[in-house]
N, C-alpha and C. Protein backbone atom coordinates (compact mmCIF):
# COMPACT_ATOMS: atom_id res chain seq x y z
N MET A 1 118.93 94.11 108.13
CA MET A 1 119.04 95.12 107.09
C MET A 1 118.13 94.76 105.92
N LYS A 2 117.77 95.78 105.14
CA LYS A 2 116.92 95.54 103.98
C LYS A 2 117.59 96.14 102.75
N LEU A 3 117.66 95.34 101.69
CA LEU A 3 118.22 95.80 100.42
C LEU A 3 117.12 95.91 99.38
N ARG A 4 117.19 96.98 98.60
CA ARG A 4 116.27 97.14 97.46
C ARG A 4 117.04 96.84 96.18
N MET A 5 116.42 96.09 95.29
CA MET A 5 117.09 95.66 94.06
C MET A 5 116.24 96.00 92.84
N ARG A 6 116.92 96.48 91.82
CA ARG A 6 116.29 96.64 90.51
C ARG A 6 116.77 95.48 89.64
N TYR A 7 115.82 94.82 88.98
CA TYR A 7 116.20 93.66 88.18
C TYR A 7 115.49 93.67 86.84
N GLU A 8 116.01 92.86 85.93
CA GLU A 8 115.39 92.73 84.61
C GLU A 8 114.74 91.37 84.46
N LYS A 9 113.67 91.35 83.68
CA LYS A 9 113.01 90.12 83.27
C LYS A 9 113.06 90.10 81.75
N ALA A 10 113.95 89.29 81.20
CA ALA A 10 114.24 89.32 79.77
C ALA A 10 113.48 88.22 79.02
N ASP A 11 113.74 88.13 77.73
CA ASP A 11 113.00 87.22 76.84
C ASP A 11 112.91 85.77 77.34
N PRO A 12 114.00 85.17 77.84
CA PRO A 12 113.91 83.75 78.23
C PRO A 12 112.88 83.45 79.31
N VAL A 13 112.48 84.46 80.10
CA VAL A 13 111.54 84.21 81.20
C VAL A 13 110.28 85.07 81.11
N LYS A 14 110.04 85.69 79.96
CA LYS A 14 108.91 86.63 79.90
C LYS A 14 107.55 85.93 79.96
N TYR A 15 107.52 84.61 79.73
CA TYR A 15 106.24 83.91 79.78
C TYR A 15 106.01 83.17 81.10
N ILE A 16 106.89 83.32 82.07
CA ILE A 16 106.63 82.70 83.37
C ILE A 16 105.78 83.66 84.21
N SER A 17 104.95 83.11 85.06
CA SER A 17 104.05 83.92 85.88
C SER A 17 104.82 84.63 86.98
N HIS A 18 104.15 85.59 87.60
CA HIS A 18 104.78 86.32 88.71
C HIS A 18 105.09 85.35 89.85
N LEU A 19 104.18 84.43 90.14
CA LEU A 19 104.40 83.47 91.23
C LEU A 19 105.61 82.59 90.95
N ASP A 20 105.74 82.10 89.72
CA ASP A 20 106.89 81.27 89.37
C ASP A 20 108.19 82.07 89.44
N MET A 21 108.12 83.35 89.09
CA MET A 21 109.31 84.19 89.18
C MET A 21 109.73 84.38 90.64
N VAL A 22 108.75 84.59 91.52
CA VAL A 22 109.05 84.72 92.95
C VAL A 22 109.74 83.45 93.46
N LYS A 23 109.24 82.29 93.04
CA LYS A 23 109.86 81.03 93.45
C LYS A 23 111.29 80.91 92.92
N ALA A 24 111.52 81.41 91.70
CA ALA A 24 112.88 81.38 91.13
C ALA A 24 113.83 82.24 91.97
N PHE A 25 113.35 83.39 92.44
CA PHE A 25 114.18 84.22 93.30
C PHE A 25 114.44 83.53 94.64
N GLU A 26 113.43 82.89 95.20
CA GLU A 26 113.62 82.20 96.48
C GLU A 26 114.68 81.11 96.35
N ARG A 27 114.64 80.35 95.24
CA ARG A 27 115.66 79.32 95.02
C ARG A 27 117.05 79.94 94.87
N ALA A 28 117.11 81.09 94.18
CA ALA A 28 118.40 81.75 93.97
C ALA A 28 119.00 82.23 95.29
N PHE A 29 118.16 82.75 96.18
CA PHE A 29 118.67 83.17 97.49
C PHE A 29 119.24 81.98 98.26
N ARG A 30 118.57 80.82 98.16
CA ARG A 30 119.08 79.63 98.85
C ARG A 30 120.41 79.19 98.25
N ARG A 31 120.49 79.15 96.91
CA ARG A 31 121.74 78.73 96.26
C ARG A 31 122.88 79.69 96.60
N ALA A 32 122.56 80.97 96.68
CA ALA A 32 123.58 81.99 96.94
C ALA A 32 124.01 82.01 98.41
N LYS A 33 123.26 81.25 99.26
CA LYS A 33 123.57 81.19 100.69
C LYS A 33 123.61 82.58 101.33
N LEU A 34 122.61 83.38 100.97
CA LEU A 34 122.49 84.72 101.56
C LEU A 34 121.60 84.65 102.80
N PRO A 35 121.86 85.49 103.81
CA PRO A 35 121.12 85.43 105.08
C PRO A 35 119.74 86.06 105.00
N LEU A 36 118.88 85.48 104.18
CA LEU A 36 117.53 86.01 103.97
C LEU A 36 116.67 85.73 105.20
N ALA A 37 115.96 86.75 105.68
CA ALA A 37 115.09 86.59 106.84
C ALA A 37 113.76 85.95 106.42
N PHE A 38 113.12 85.26 107.39
CA PHE A 38 111.83 84.62 107.16
C PHE A 38 110.80 85.16 108.14
N SER A 39 109.55 85.10 107.73
CA SER A 39 108.46 85.50 108.62
C SER A 39 108.31 84.47 109.74
N GLU A 40 107.63 84.86 110.81
CA GLU A 40 107.40 83.95 111.92
C GLU A 40 106.07 83.22 111.73
N GLY A 41 105.83 82.20 112.55
CA GLY A 41 104.57 81.47 112.47
C GLY A 41 104.78 80.03 112.03
N PHE A 42 103.65 79.34 111.76
CA PHE A 42 103.70 77.93 111.41
C PHE A 42 104.26 77.69 110.01
N THR A 43 104.05 78.64 109.11
CA THR A 43 104.54 78.49 107.73
C THR A 43 105.40 79.70 107.37
N PRO A 44 106.65 79.72 107.80
CA PRO A 44 107.53 80.87 107.52
C PRO A 44 107.75 81.07 106.02
N HIS A 45 107.75 82.32 105.60
CA HIS A 45 107.99 82.67 104.21
C HIS A 45 109.18 83.63 104.12
N PRO A 46 109.94 83.55 103.03
CA PRO A 46 111.03 84.52 102.84
C PRO A 46 110.48 85.94 102.83
N ARG A 47 111.19 86.84 103.47
CA ARG A 47 110.72 88.22 103.57
C ARG A 47 111.18 89.00 102.34
N LEU A 48 110.47 88.74 101.26
CA LEU A 48 110.69 89.41 99.98
C LEU A 48 109.45 90.20 99.62
N THR A 49 109.63 91.41 99.15
CA THR A 49 108.51 92.26 98.72
C THR A 49 108.76 92.70 97.29
N PHE A 50 107.74 92.55 96.45
CA PHE A 50 107.89 92.88 95.03
C PHE A 50 107.01 94.06 94.65
N ALA A 51 107.46 94.80 93.65
CA ALA A 51 106.68 95.90 93.08
C ALA A 51 105.49 95.32 92.31
N PRO A 52 104.54 96.17 91.86
CA PRO A 52 103.39 95.67 91.10
C PRO A 52 103.80 94.71 89.99
N ALA A 53 103.08 93.59 89.91
CA ALA A 53 103.46 92.50 89.02
C ALA A 53 103.43 92.91 87.55
N LEU A 54 104.32 92.30 86.80
CA LEU A 54 104.42 92.51 85.36
C LEU A 54 103.55 91.48 84.65
N SER A 55 102.83 91.91 83.61
CA SER A 55 101.99 90.98 82.85
C SER A 55 102.86 89.95 82.14
N VAL A 56 102.34 88.74 82.01
CA VAL A 56 103.04 87.67 81.30
C VAL A 56 103.23 88.07 79.83
N GLY A 57 104.42 87.80 79.30
CA GLY A 57 104.71 88.10 77.90
C GLY A 57 105.39 89.43 77.68
N ILE A 58 105.57 90.21 78.75
CA ILE A 58 106.22 91.52 78.66
C ILE A 58 107.60 91.43 79.31
N THR A 59 108.60 91.98 78.66
CA THR A 59 109.93 92.06 79.25
C THR A 59 110.05 93.36 80.04
N SER A 60 111.11 93.44 80.85
CA SER A 60 111.29 94.65 81.66
C SER A 60 112.74 94.80 82.09
N SER A 61 113.16 96.04 82.18
CA SER A 61 114.47 96.36 82.78
C SER A 61 114.28 97.26 84.00
N GLY A 62 113.04 97.31 84.50
CA GLY A 62 112.75 98.19 85.63
C GLY A 62 111.83 97.56 86.65
N GLU A 63 112.16 96.34 87.11
CA GLU A 63 111.39 95.68 88.17
C GLU A 63 112.14 95.86 89.51
N TYR A 64 111.38 95.80 90.61
CA TYR A 64 111.98 96.07 91.92
C TYR A 64 111.55 95.05 92.96
N MET A 65 112.46 94.82 93.91
CA MET A 65 112.24 93.85 94.98
C MET A 65 112.99 94.32 96.22
N ASP A 66 112.36 94.16 97.40
CA ASP A 66 113.02 94.39 98.68
C ASP A 66 113.28 93.05 99.35
N ALA A 67 114.46 92.90 99.93
CA ALA A 67 114.82 91.66 100.63
C ALA A 67 115.33 92.00 102.03
N ASP A 68 114.73 91.34 103.04
CA ASP A 68 115.17 91.50 104.43
C ASP A 68 116.24 90.45 104.75
N PHE A 69 117.31 90.90 105.39
CA PHE A 69 118.37 89.99 105.82
C PHE A 69 118.49 90.02 107.34
N TYR A 70 118.79 88.87 107.94
CA TYR A 70 118.92 88.83 109.40
C TYR A 70 120.32 89.22 109.86
N GLU A 71 121.23 89.42 108.91
CA GLU A 71 122.54 89.98 109.25
C GLU A 71 123.04 90.79 108.07
N ASN A 72 123.95 91.69 108.34
CA ASN A 72 124.45 92.58 107.29
C ASN A 72 125.24 91.82 106.24
N VAL A 73 125.07 92.24 104.99
CA VAL A 73 125.83 91.69 103.88
C VAL A 73 126.10 92.84 102.91
N PRO A 74 127.33 92.98 102.42
CA PRO A 74 127.61 94.07 101.47
C PRO A 74 126.71 93.96 100.23
N ALA A 75 126.17 95.10 99.82
CA ALA A 75 125.25 95.11 98.69
C ALA A 75 125.89 94.53 97.43
N SER A 76 127.13 94.89 97.17
CA SER A 76 127.81 94.41 95.96
C SER A 76 127.99 92.90 96.00
N GLU A 77 128.26 92.36 97.19
CA GLU A 77 128.42 90.91 97.33
C GLU A 77 127.09 90.19 97.10
N ALA A 78 126.01 90.75 97.67
CA ALA A 78 124.69 90.15 97.49
C ALA A 78 124.31 90.13 96.01
N MET A 79 124.60 91.21 95.31
CA MET A 79 124.28 91.30 93.88
C MET A 79 125.05 90.26 93.08
N CYS A 80 126.34 90.12 93.36
CA CYS A 80 127.19 89.17 92.64
C CYS A 80 126.74 87.73 92.89
N ARG A 81 126.47 87.40 94.15
CA ARG A 81 126.08 86.03 94.49
C ARG A 81 124.70 85.68 93.92
N LEU A 82 123.79 86.65 93.94
CA LEU A 82 122.46 86.39 93.38
C LEU A 82 122.53 86.19 91.87
N ASN A 83 123.25 87.06 91.18
CA ASN A 83 123.33 86.95 89.72
C ASN A 83 123.98 85.64 89.28
N SER A 84 124.84 85.09 90.13
CA SER A 84 125.46 83.80 89.81
C SER A 84 124.48 82.64 90.02
N SER A 85 123.39 82.90 90.74
CA SER A 85 122.45 81.84 91.09
C SER A 85 121.11 81.93 90.36
N LEU A 86 120.84 83.07 89.72
CA LEU A 86 119.56 83.26 89.04
C LEU A 86 119.55 82.57 87.68
N PRO A 87 118.37 82.15 87.20
CA PRO A 87 118.27 81.54 85.87
C PRO A 87 118.45 82.60 84.78
N GLU A 88 118.74 82.12 83.58
CA GLU A 88 118.90 83.03 82.44
C GLU A 88 117.63 83.85 82.25
N GLY A 89 117.80 85.16 82.10
CA GLY A 89 116.66 86.04 81.89
C GLY A 89 116.30 86.88 83.09
N LEU A 90 116.76 86.47 84.28
CA LEU A 90 116.59 87.28 85.49
C LEU A 90 117.97 87.75 85.93
N ARG A 91 118.10 89.06 86.16
CA ARG A 91 119.41 89.60 86.53
C ARG A 91 119.24 90.87 87.36
N ILE A 92 119.98 90.97 88.45
CA ILE A 92 119.98 92.17 89.27
C ILE A 92 120.80 93.24 88.55
N LEU A 93 120.22 94.42 88.36
CA LEU A 93 120.89 95.51 87.65
C LEU A 93 121.48 96.55 88.60
N LYS A 94 120.82 96.72 89.75
CA LYS A 94 121.25 97.75 90.69
C LYS A 94 120.78 97.34 92.08
N ILE A 95 121.52 97.74 93.10
CA ILE A 95 121.17 97.34 94.46
C ILE A 95 121.58 98.44 95.43
N GLY A 96 120.81 98.60 96.49
CA GLY A 96 121.14 99.61 97.49
C GLY A 96 120.38 99.35 98.78
N ILE A 97 120.81 99.98 99.85
CA ILE A 97 120.14 99.84 101.15
C ILE A 97 118.82 100.61 101.12
N PHE A 98 117.75 99.98 101.56
CA PHE A 98 116.43 100.61 101.58
C PHE A 98 116.23 101.30 102.93
N ASP A 99 115.92 102.61 102.87
CA ASP A 99 115.77 103.39 104.10
C ASP A 99 114.35 103.41 104.65
N GLY A 100 113.43 102.73 103.97
CA GLY A 100 112.05 102.65 104.46
C GLY A 100 111.17 103.82 104.07
N LYS A 101 111.70 104.77 103.31
CA LYS A 101 110.94 105.99 103.03
C LYS A 101 109.81 105.77 102.03
N TYR A 102 110.08 105.04 100.95
CA TYR A 102 109.06 104.83 99.91
C TYR A 102 108.86 103.33 99.68
N PRO A 103 107.88 102.72 100.37
CA PRO A 103 107.61 101.29 100.16
C PRO A 103 107.21 101.01 98.71
N LEU A 104 107.49 99.82 98.24
CA LEU A 104 107.15 99.46 96.86
C LEU A 104 105.64 99.49 96.63
N SER A 105 104.86 99.36 97.68
CA SER A 105 103.40 99.43 97.54
C SER A 105 102.93 100.82 97.13
N LYS A 106 103.80 101.83 97.27
CA LYS A 106 103.43 103.20 96.89
C LYS A 106 103.62 103.47 95.40
N ILE A 107 104.32 102.59 94.70
CA ILE A 107 104.56 102.80 93.26
C ILE A 107 103.22 102.91 92.54
N ASN A 108 103.08 103.94 91.69
CA ASN A 108 101.79 104.17 91.04
C ASN A 108 101.89 104.48 89.55
N ALA A 109 103.09 104.36 88.96
CA ALA A 109 103.22 104.66 87.53
C ALA A 109 104.32 103.80 86.92
N ALA A 110 104.17 103.55 85.62
CA ALA A 110 105.14 102.75 84.88
C ALA A 110 105.30 103.31 83.48
N SER A 111 106.51 103.19 82.95
CA SER A 111 106.75 103.60 81.56
C SER A 111 107.01 102.35 80.72
N TYR A 112 106.44 102.34 79.52
CA TYR A 112 106.56 101.20 78.61
C TYR A 112 107.01 101.68 77.24
N SER A 113 107.73 100.81 76.54
CA SER A 113 108.00 101.02 75.12
C SER A 113 107.32 99.89 74.35
N VAL A 114 106.56 100.27 73.33
CA VAL A 114 105.76 99.32 72.57
C VAL A 114 106.07 99.49 71.09
N THR A 115 106.33 98.39 70.40
CA THR A 115 106.58 98.42 68.96
C THR A 115 105.45 97.70 68.24
N ILE A 116 104.83 98.39 67.27
CA ILE A 116 103.75 97.79 66.49
C ILE A 116 104.09 97.91 65.00
N ALA A 117 103.41 97.12 64.18
CA ALA A 117 103.68 97.10 62.75
C ALA A 117 102.39 97.32 61.96
N GLY A 118 102.56 97.78 60.70
CA GLY A 118 101.43 97.85 59.79
C GLY A 118 100.70 99.17 59.73
N PHE A 119 101.27 100.22 60.35
CA PHE A 119 100.60 101.52 60.34
C PHE A 119 101.59 102.63 60.05
N LEU A 120 101.07 103.75 59.56
CA LEU A 120 101.87 104.96 59.44
C LEU A 120 101.91 105.66 60.80
N GLN A 121 103.02 106.32 61.06
CA GLN A 121 103.18 107.01 62.34
C GLN A 121 102.09 108.04 62.57
N GLU A 122 101.73 108.79 61.52
CA GLU A 122 100.74 109.84 61.69
C GLU A 122 99.35 109.29 62.01
N ASP A 123 99.03 108.09 61.48
CA ASP A 123 97.73 107.49 61.78
C ASP A 123 97.65 107.04 63.24
N VAL A 124 98.74 106.47 63.74
CA VAL A 124 98.76 106.04 65.14
C VAL A 124 98.75 107.25 66.07
N ALA A 125 99.48 108.30 65.70
CA ALA A 125 99.50 109.52 66.51
C ALA A 125 98.10 110.13 66.60
N ARG A 126 97.38 110.10 65.47
CA ARG A 126 96.02 110.63 65.46
C ARG A 126 95.10 109.79 66.36
N ALA A 127 95.26 108.47 66.29
CA ALA A 127 94.45 107.58 67.13
C ALA A 127 94.76 107.79 68.61
N ALA A 128 96.04 107.97 68.93
CA ALA A 128 96.43 108.19 70.32
C ALA A 128 95.83 109.50 70.85
N LYS A 129 95.84 110.52 70.01
CA LYS A 129 95.26 111.81 70.42
C LYS A 129 93.76 111.67 70.67
N GLU A 130 93.08 110.92 69.80
CA GLU A 130 91.64 110.68 69.98
C GLU A 130 91.38 109.97 71.31
N LEU A 131 92.18 108.95 71.58
CA LEU A 131 91.99 108.18 72.82
C LEU A 131 92.23 109.05 74.05
N LEU A 132 93.30 109.83 74.03
CA LEU A 132 93.63 110.67 75.18
C LEU A 132 92.61 111.78 75.40
N ASN A 133 91.88 112.14 74.36
CA ASN A 133 90.87 113.20 74.47
C ASN A 133 89.54 112.70 75.03
N GLN A 134 89.40 111.38 75.17
CA GLN A 134 88.14 110.82 75.68
C GLN A 134 88.01 111.09 77.18
N LYS A 135 86.82 111.53 77.59
CA LYS A 135 86.57 111.76 79.01
C LYS A 135 86.45 110.45 79.77
N GLN A 136 85.97 109.42 79.08
CA GLN A 136 85.86 108.09 79.67
C GLN A 136 86.38 107.05 78.68
N VAL A 137 87.07 106.04 79.20
CA VAL A 137 87.49 104.90 78.40
C VAL A 137 87.08 103.66 79.19
N ILE A 138 85.95 103.08 78.82
CA ILE A 138 85.37 101.98 79.59
C ILE A 138 85.87 100.64 79.04
N ILE A 139 86.40 99.83 79.94
CA ILE A 139 86.78 98.46 79.58
C ILE A 139 86.09 97.51 80.55
N GLU A 140 86.06 96.24 80.17
CA GLU A 140 85.48 95.22 81.04
C GLU A 140 86.60 94.37 81.63
N LYS A 141 86.61 94.28 82.96
CA LYS A 141 87.59 93.45 83.66
C LYS A 141 86.86 92.32 84.38
N VAL A 142 87.45 91.13 84.33
CA VAL A 142 86.89 89.99 85.05
C VAL A 142 87.56 89.92 86.42
N LEU A 143 86.77 90.13 87.47
CA LEU A 143 87.26 90.12 88.84
C LEU A 143 86.45 89.13 89.66
N LYS A 144 87.10 88.04 90.10
CA LYS A 144 86.44 87.02 90.91
C LYS A 144 85.17 86.52 90.23
N ASP A 145 85.31 86.11 88.97
CA ASP A 145 84.22 85.54 88.18
C ASP A 145 83.10 86.53 87.88
N LYS A 146 83.35 87.80 88.10
CA LYS A 146 82.37 88.83 87.77
C LYS A 146 82.98 89.81 86.77
N VAL A 147 82.16 90.27 85.84
CA VAL A 147 82.61 91.25 84.86
C VAL A 147 82.29 92.64 85.39
N LYS A 148 83.33 93.47 85.49
CA LYS A 148 83.16 94.82 86.02
C LYS A 148 83.59 95.83 84.96
N ARG A 149 82.76 96.85 84.76
CA ARG A 149 83.09 97.92 83.82
C ARG A 149 83.90 98.99 84.56
N VAL A 150 85.08 99.29 84.00
CA VAL A 150 86.01 100.21 84.66
C VAL A 150 86.39 101.32 83.69
N ASP A 151 86.39 102.55 84.19
CA ASP A 151 86.86 103.69 83.40
C ASP A 151 88.37 103.82 83.61
N VAL A 152 89.15 103.53 82.57
CA VAL A 152 90.61 103.57 82.70
C VAL A 152 91.22 104.86 82.15
N ALA A 153 90.38 105.80 81.75
CA ALA A 153 90.91 107.07 81.21
C ALA A 153 91.89 107.74 82.18
N PRO A 154 91.61 107.77 83.50
CA PRO A 154 92.56 108.42 84.41
C PRO A 154 93.89 107.67 84.54
N PHE A 155 93.92 106.41 84.09
CA PHE A 155 95.12 105.60 84.24
C PHE A 155 96.05 105.68 83.02
N ILE A 156 95.58 106.32 81.94
CA ILE A 156 96.41 106.49 80.74
C ILE A 156 97.00 107.89 80.80
N HIS A 157 98.22 108.01 81.27
CA HIS A 157 98.82 109.32 81.50
C HIS A 157 99.37 109.95 80.22
N CYS A 158 99.99 109.13 79.38
CA CYS A 158 100.67 109.69 78.21
C CYS A 158 100.89 108.60 77.17
N ILE A 159 100.76 108.97 75.88
CA ILE A 159 101.14 108.09 74.77
C ILE A 159 101.92 108.93 73.77
N ASP A 160 103.18 108.60 73.59
CA ASP A 160 104.05 109.33 72.67
C ASP A 160 104.34 108.41 71.48
N VAL A 161 104.09 108.90 70.27
CA VAL A 161 104.19 108.06 69.07
C VAL A 161 105.33 108.57 68.18
N LYS A 162 106.21 107.62 67.77
CA LYS A 162 107.33 107.97 66.90
C LYS A 162 107.51 106.89 65.84
N SER A 163 108.15 107.28 64.73
CA SER A 163 108.48 106.31 63.69
C SER A 163 109.64 105.44 64.16
N GLY A 164 109.54 104.13 63.86
CA GLY A 164 110.61 103.21 64.22
C GLY A 164 111.30 102.66 63.00
N GLU A 165 112.22 101.74 63.21
CA GLU A 165 112.96 101.13 62.11
C GLU A 165 112.09 100.10 61.38
N GLY A 166 112.38 99.92 60.09
CA GLY A 166 111.71 98.89 59.31
C GLY A 166 110.23 99.10 59.13
N GLY A 167 109.78 100.35 59.17
CA GLY A 167 108.36 100.63 58.99
C GLY A 167 107.53 100.41 60.23
N ASN A 168 108.17 100.10 61.35
CA ASN A 168 107.43 99.93 62.59
C ASN A 168 107.10 101.29 63.21
N VAL A 169 106.18 101.27 64.15
CA VAL A 169 105.83 102.48 64.90
C VAL A 169 106.11 102.21 66.38
N PHE A 170 106.75 103.18 67.00
CA PHE A 170 107.15 103.06 68.40
C PHE A 170 106.24 103.92 69.27
N LEU A 171 105.70 103.33 70.34
CA LEU A 171 104.86 104.07 71.28
C LEU A 171 105.52 104.06 72.66
N GLY A 172 105.69 105.23 73.24
CA GLY A 172 106.10 105.34 74.62
C GLY A 172 104.88 105.63 75.47
N MET A 173 104.59 104.78 76.43
CA MET A 173 103.39 104.94 77.26
C MET A 173 103.77 105.15 78.72
N GLU A 174 103.07 106.05 79.37
CA GLU A 174 103.11 106.14 80.83
C GLU A 174 101.73 105.78 81.34
N LEU A 175 101.66 104.72 82.15
CA LEU A 175 100.38 104.19 82.62
C LEU A 175 100.40 104.02 84.13
N ALA A 176 99.21 104.07 84.72
CA ALA A 176 99.09 103.85 86.16
C ALA A 176 99.24 102.37 86.49
N VAL A 177 99.86 102.11 87.64
CA VAL A 177 99.96 100.75 88.18
C VAL A 177 99.68 100.83 89.68
N GLY A 178 99.51 99.68 90.30
CA GLY A 178 99.43 99.65 91.75
C GLY A 178 98.03 99.66 92.31
N GLN A 179 97.96 99.96 93.61
CA GLN A 179 96.72 99.81 94.36
C GLN A 179 95.65 100.83 93.99
N GLY A 180 96.06 101.97 93.43
CA GLY A 180 95.09 103.00 93.08
C GLY A 180 94.38 102.77 91.76
N GLY A 181 94.73 101.70 91.06
CA GLY A 181 94.14 101.41 89.76
C GLY A 181 95.21 101.29 88.71
N SER A 182 94.95 100.48 87.70
CA SER A 182 95.98 100.24 86.69
C SER A 182 95.34 99.90 85.35
N VAL A 183 96.16 100.01 84.32
CA VAL A 183 95.77 99.58 82.98
C VAL A 183 97.02 99.04 82.30
N SER A 184 96.88 97.97 81.54
CA SER A 184 98.03 97.36 80.88
C SER A 184 98.21 97.92 79.47
N PRO A 185 99.41 97.82 78.91
CA PRO A 185 99.61 98.25 77.52
C PRO A 185 98.68 97.52 76.55
N ASP A 186 98.43 96.23 76.79
CA ASP A 186 97.52 95.48 75.91
C ASP A 186 96.12 96.10 75.89
N MET A 187 95.65 96.52 77.05
CA MET A 187 94.33 97.15 77.12
C MET A 187 94.31 98.47 76.36
N VAL A 188 95.40 99.23 76.49
CA VAL A 188 95.48 100.52 75.79
C VAL A 188 95.49 100.30 74.28
N LEU A 189 96.25 99.31 73.82
CA LEU A 189 96.31 99.02 72.38
C LEU A 189 94.94 98.59 71.86
N LYS A 190 94.21 97.82 72.65
CA LYS A 190 92.87 97.40 72.24
C LYS A 190 91.95 98.61 72.08
N GLN A 191 92.11 99.60 72.94
CA GLN A 191 91.30 100.82 72.82
C GLN A 191 91.76 101.67 71.62
N LEU A 192 93.05 101.66 71.34
CA LEU A 192 93.56 102.40 70.17
C LEU A 192 92.97 101.87 68.88
N GLU A 193 92.71 100.57 68.82
CA GLU A 193 92.16 99.95 67.61
C GLU A 193 90.82 100.55 67.22
N ARG A 194 90.11 101.14 68.17
CA ARG A 194 88.82 101.75 67.86
C ARG A 194 88.97 102.93 66.90
N TYR A 195 90.17 103.50 66.85
CA TYR A 195 90.41 104.68 66.02
C TYR A 195 91.34 104.39 64.85
N LEU A 196 91.54 103.10 64.57
CA LEU A 196 92.39 102.67 63.46
C LEU A 196 91.59 101.73 62.55
N PRO A 197 91.98 101.61 61.28
CA PRO A 197 91.18 100.83 60.33
C PRO A 197 91.32 99.31 60.46
N LYS A 198 92.30 98.83 61.24
CA LYS A 198 92.49 97.38 61.36
C LYS A 198 93.12 97.06 62.70
N GLU A 199 93.22 95.75 63.00
CA GLU A 199 93.81 95.33 64.26
C GLU A 199 95.31 95.66 64.31
N ILE A 200 95.78 95.88 65.52
CA ILE A 200 97.19 96.20 65.73
C ILE A 200 98.01 94.91 65.83
N THR A 201 99.12 94.87 65.12
CA THR A 201 100.08 93.77 65.25
C THR A 201 101.19 94.22 66.19
N VAL A 202 101.24 93.59 67.36
CA VAL A 202 102.22 93.97 68.38
C VAL A 202 103.49 93.16 68.17
N LYS A 203 104.62 93.84 68.08
CA LYS A 203 105.90 93.15 67.92
C LYS A 203 106.64 93.01 69.24
N TYR A 204 106.50 94.00 70.11
CA TYR A 204 107.25 93.93 71.37
C TYR A 204 106.68 94.91 72.38
N ILE A 205 106.63 94.48 73.65
CA ILE A 205 106.26 95.37 74.75
C ILE A 205 107.31 95.22 75.85
N HIS A 206 107.82 96.34 76.31
CA HIS A 206 108.89 96.33 77.32
C HIS A 206 108.58 97.38 78.39
N ARG A 207 108.65 96.97 79.66
CA ARG A 207 108.48 97.95 80.74
C ARG A 207 109.85 98.54 81.06
N GLU A 208 109.95 99.86 80.90
CA GLU A 208 111.23 100.55 81.10
C GLU A 208 111.52 100.80 82.57
N ASP A 209 110.48 101.21 83.32
CA ASP A 209 110.74 101.54 84.72
C ASP A 209 109.42 101.68 85.48
N LEU A 210 109.54 101.67 86.79
CA LEU A 210 108.44 101.93 87.71
C LEU A 210 108.85 103.10 88.59
N TYR A 211 107.87 103.87 89.06
CA TYR A 211 108.19 105.00 89.92
C TYR A 211 106.95 105.49 90.65
N LEU A 212 107.19 106.40 91.57
CA LEU A 212 106.11 107.03 92.33
C LEU A 212 105.94 108.46 91.83
N LYS A 213 104.71 108.80 91.44
CA LYS A 213 104.38 110.18 91.08
C LYS A 213 103.64 110.79 92.27
N GLN A 214 104.21 111.87 92.80
CA GLN A 214 103.64 112.47 94.01
C GLN A 214 103.92 113.96 94.03
N ASP A 215 102.86 114.76 94.16
CA ASP A 215 102.99 116.22 94.26
C ASP A 215 103.80 116.81 93.10
N GLY A 216 103.55 116.27 91.90
CA GLY A 216 104.24 116.78 90.72
C GLY A 216 105.65 116.27 90.54
N LEU A 217 106.10 115.40 91.44
CA LEU A 217 107.45 114.86 91.35
C LEU A 217 107.43 113.41 90.88
N ILE A 218 108.50 112.99 90.20
CA ILE A 218 108.69 111.60 89.83
C ILE A 218 109.81 111.05 90.71
N ILE A 219 109.48 110.07 91.55
CA ILE A 219 110.43 109.55 92.53
C ILE A 219 110.81 108.12 92.15
N PRO A 220 112.06 107.88 91.75
CA PRO A 220 112.48 106.52 91.41
C PRO A 220 112.62 105.67 92.67
N PRO A 221 112.33 104.37 92.58
CA PRO A 221 112.43 103.51 93.77
C PRO A 221 113.86 103.34 94.28
N LEU A 222 114.84 103.49 93.38
CA LEU A 222 116.23 103.22 93.76
C LEU A 222 117.16 104.17 93.01
């Protein structure tokens, strides 16, 4: 059987890499004594599949993982045993049986909440409108020791700007992720600075959820 899990990555673990987080989950499965299946071959690996990786330094309440088991286990029991074995900052929020219809590799969009300081809401809203109106937004990405110029305009779906508490400004972003191309909130903020009088002070970035956008529909993974 295969279970799909939604989990959070909170402040205590936001600076660990994706690889270290995967290892933390593998240790938790062992401690929880769950019947996790392994791949075949000379170097068997736990059969865990993760959604597009989260950038280091960002928290999230909408990460996803699929786990293959070699025997049936109640979803609620698996969730309880895993949460008792995971380190502080990682926690399973929701769990269900995966029917195989939408693999995590199909996920192509993410929603983020971003808090910045030092600007008026109307100035940031104006900058966001300018950025979204650009036909091209060229950034430089380092890929395998080579610098590649990439147009990320198609990957910036939406930027919603609102006033926050304490003079902060809140941005809700919908951005592309996954195999079809992606852009991070940090990259978007760097481009926003082109239309603002000074550098942006980022207070917090949080990924709210991941999902599949297909034929005008938004399909949640779980």
